[in-house]
Amino acid sequence: MSYGAAKAALEHFTLSSAAELGPHGVTANLVHPPVTDTGWGTDEVRAHVAASSALFTVAQPEEVARVVAFLASTAARSVTGNTVRMR
């Protein structure tokens, strides 16, 4: 329950930050990555993700990093107040 509450709080914080910081040229976005292969995932976790009907994948760290790098770049200067849910 606290995990879900924390995620909701982050989404609202991101929206508030985007509204408050936007006039100063600062963007605020949130990335929810999927299970990421950082060494902690077990074969059981990978099997669960593979069996998912929600099109979830096990991402490589580089995939998540590319999304974050885009959001931090000038190419995304008009992208703010968003939550990117990677699958």
C-alpha atoms as a PDB file:
ATOM      1  CA  MET A   1       0.000   0.000   0.000  1.00  0.00           C
ATOM      2  CA  SER A   2       2.778   2.463   0.860  1.00  0.00           C
ATOM      3  CA  TYR A   3       4.481   1.700  -2.491  1.00  0.00           C
ATOM      4  CA  GLY A   4       1.380   2.820  -4.387  1.00  0.00           C
ATOM      5  CA  ALA A   5       0.984   5.887  -2.206  1.00  0.00           C
ATOM      6  CA  ALA A   6       4.613   6.843  -2.821  1.00  0.00           C
ATOM      7  CA  LYS A   7       4.171   6.517  -6.599  1.00  0.00           C
ATOM      8  CA  ALA A   8       1.024   8.661  -6.484  1.00  0.00           C
ATOM      9  CA  ALA A   9       2.853  11.263  -4.406  1.00  0.00           C
ATOM     10  CA  LEU A  10       5.672  11.380  -6.968  1.00  0.00           C
ATOM     11  CA  GLU A  11       3.187  11.922  -9.803  1.00  0.00           C
ATOM     12  CA  HIS A  12       1.528  14.818  -7.965  1.00  0.00           C
ATOM     13  CA  PHE A  13       4.900  16.281  -6.986  1.00  0.00           C
ATOM     14  CA  THR A  14       5.943  16.139 -10.654  1.00  0.00           C
ATOM     15  CA  LEU A  15       2.789  17.966 -11.756  1.00  0.00           C
ATOM     16  CA  SER A  16       3.241  20.632  -9.081  1.00  0.00           C
ATOM     17  CA  SER A  17       6.914  21.036  -9.933  1.00  0.00           C
ATOM     18  CA  ALA A  18       6.132  21.409 -13.635  1.00  0.00           C
ATOM     19  CA  ALA A  19       3.586  24.143 -12.896  1.00  0.00           C
ATOM     20  CA  GLU A  20       5.808  26.026 -10.469  1.00  0.00           C
ATOM     21  CA  LEU A  21       9.090  25.698 -12.349  1.00  0.00           C
ATOM     22  CA  GLY A  22       7.801  26.019 -15.912  1.00  0.00           C
ATOM     23  CA  PRO A  23       7.931  29.830 -15.932  1.00  0.00           C
ATOM     24  CA  HIS A  24      11.647  29.522 -15.144  1.00  0.00           C
ATOM     25  CA  GLY A  25      12.300  27.202 -18.093  1.00  0.00           C
ATOM     26  CA  VAL A  26      12.606  24.098 -15.908  1.00  0.00           C
ATOM     27  CA  THR A  27      10.822  20.902 -16.924  1.00  0.00           C
ATOM     28  CA  ALA A  28       9.701  18.155 -14.566  1.00  0.00           C
ATOM     29  CA  ASN A  29       8.841  14.639 -15.716  1.00  0.00           C
ATOM     30  CA  LEU A  30       8.670  11.237 -14.081  1.00  0.00           C
ATOM     31  CA  VAL A  31       9.811   7.897 -15.529  1.00  0.00           C
ATOM     32  CA  HIS A  32       8.281   4.620 -14.347  1.00  0.00           C
ATOM     33  CA  PRO A  33      10.587   1.979 -15.813  1.00  0.00           C
ATOM     34  CA  PRO A  34       9.583  -1.651 -16.138  1.00  0.00           C
ATOM     35  CA  VAL A  35      11.508  -4.398 -14.392  1.00  0.00           C
ATOM     36  CA  THR A  36      15.076  -3.510 -15.327  1.00  0.00           C
ATOM     37  CA  ASP A  37      17.877  -6.037 -15.662  1.00  0.00           C
ATOM     38  CA  THR A  38      20.245  -4.577 -13.092  1.00  0.00           C
ATOM     39  CA  GLY A  39      21.259  -7.881 -11.573  1.00  0.00           C
ATOM     40  CA  TRP A  40      18.638  -8.148  -8.845  1.00  0.00           C
ATOM     41  CA  GLY A  41      15.968  -9.890 -10.934  1.00  0.00           C
ATOM     42  CA  THR A  42      15.597 -13.620 -10.501  1.00  0.00           C
ATOM     43  CA  ASP A  43      14.563 -16.201 -13.068  1.00  0.00           C
ATOM     44  CA  GLU A  44      11.190 -16.250 -11.294  1.00  0.00           C
ATOM     45  CA  VAL A  45      10.754 -12.514 -11.888  1.00  0.00           C
ATOM     46  CA  ARG A  46      11.731 -12.865 -15.555  1.00  0.00           C
ATOM     47  CA  ALA A  47       9.255 -15.746 -15.997  1.00  0.00           C
ATOM     48  CA  HIS A  48       6.483 -13.697 -14.386  1.00  0.00           C
ATOM     49  CA  VAL A  49       7.168 -10.758 -16.711  1.00  0.00           C
ATOM     50  CA  ALA A  50       7.311 -13.038 -19.767  1.00  0.00           C
ATOM     51  CA  ALA A  51       3.928 -14.548 -18.842  1.00  0.00           C
ATOM     52  CA  SER A  52       2.316 -11.137 -18.364  1.00  0.00           C
ATOM     53  CA  SER A  53      -0.521 -10.249 -20.701  1.00  0.00           C
ATOM     54  CA  ALA A  54       0.125  -6.530 -20.211  1.00  0.00           C
ATOM     55  CA  LEU A  55       3.076  -6.434 -22.645  1.00  0.00           C
ATOM     56  CA  PHE A  56       5.594  -5.868 -19.884  1.00  0.00           C
ATOM     57  CA  THR A  57       9.231  -6.505 -20.686  1.00  0.00           C
ATOM     58  CA  VAL A  58      12.492  -6.747 -18.819  1.00  0.00           C
ATOM     59  CA  ALA A  59      14.331  -3.615 -19.887  1.00  0.00           C
ATOM     60  CA  GLN A  60      18.036  -3.096 -20.168  1.00  0.00           C
ATOM     61  CA  PRO A  61      19.421  -0.167 -18.155  1.00  0.00           C
ATOM     62  CA  GLU A  62      20.412   1.547 -21.406  1.00  0.00           C
ATOM     63  CA  GLU A  63      16.767   1.626 -22.533  1.00  0.00           C
ATOM     64  CA  VAL A  64      15.713   3.482 -19.408  1.00  0.00           C
ATOM     65  CA  ALA A  65      18.738   5.765 -19.647  1.00  0.00           C
ATOM     66  CA  ARG A  66      17.791   6.763 -23.218  1.00  0.00           C
ATOM     67  CA  VAL A  67      14.339   7.906 -22.064  1.00  0.00           C
ATOM     68  CA  VAL A  68      15.826   9.909 -19.194  1.00  0.00           C
ATOM     69  CA  ALA A  69      18.500  11.404 -21.473  1.00  0.00           C
ATOM     70  CA  PHE A  70      15.823  12.521 -23.936  1.00  0.00           C
ATOM     71  CA  LEU A  71      13.771  14.161 -21.195  1.00  0.00           C
ATOM     72  CA  ALA A  72      16.885  15.954 -19.937  1.00  0.00           C
ATOM     73  CA  SER A  73      17.819  17.184 -23.420  1.00  0.00           C
ATOM     74  CA  THR A  74      16.848  20.381 -25.183  1.00  0.00           C
ATOM     75  CA  ALA A  75      14.851  18.253 -27.641  1.00  0.00           C
ATOM     76  CA  ALA A  76      12.303  17.754 -24.840  1.00  0.00           C
ATOM     77  CA  ARG A  77      12.178  21.378 -23.716  1.00  0.00           C
ATOM     78  CA  SER A  78       8.383  21.495 -24.162  1.00  0.00           C
ATOM     79  CA  VAL A  79       7.735  18.139 -22.466  1.00  0.00           C
ATOM     80  CA  THR A  80       6.793  18.717 -18.842  1.00  0.00           C
ATOM     81  CA  GLY A  81       4.386  17.440 -16.224  1.00  0.00           C
ATOM     82  CA  ASN A  82       4.334  13.945 -17.698  1.00  0.00           C
ATOM     83  CA  THR A  83       4.716  10.438 -16.379  1.00  0.00           C
ATOM     84  CA  VAL A  84       6.373   8.100 -18.860  1.00  0.00           C
ATOM     85  CA  ARG A  85       5.313   4.521 -18.169  1.00  0.00           C
ATOM     86  CA  MET A  86       7.705   2.186 -19.895  1.00  0.00           C
ATOM     87  CA  ARG A  87       6.475  -1.312 -20.679  1.00  0.00           C
END
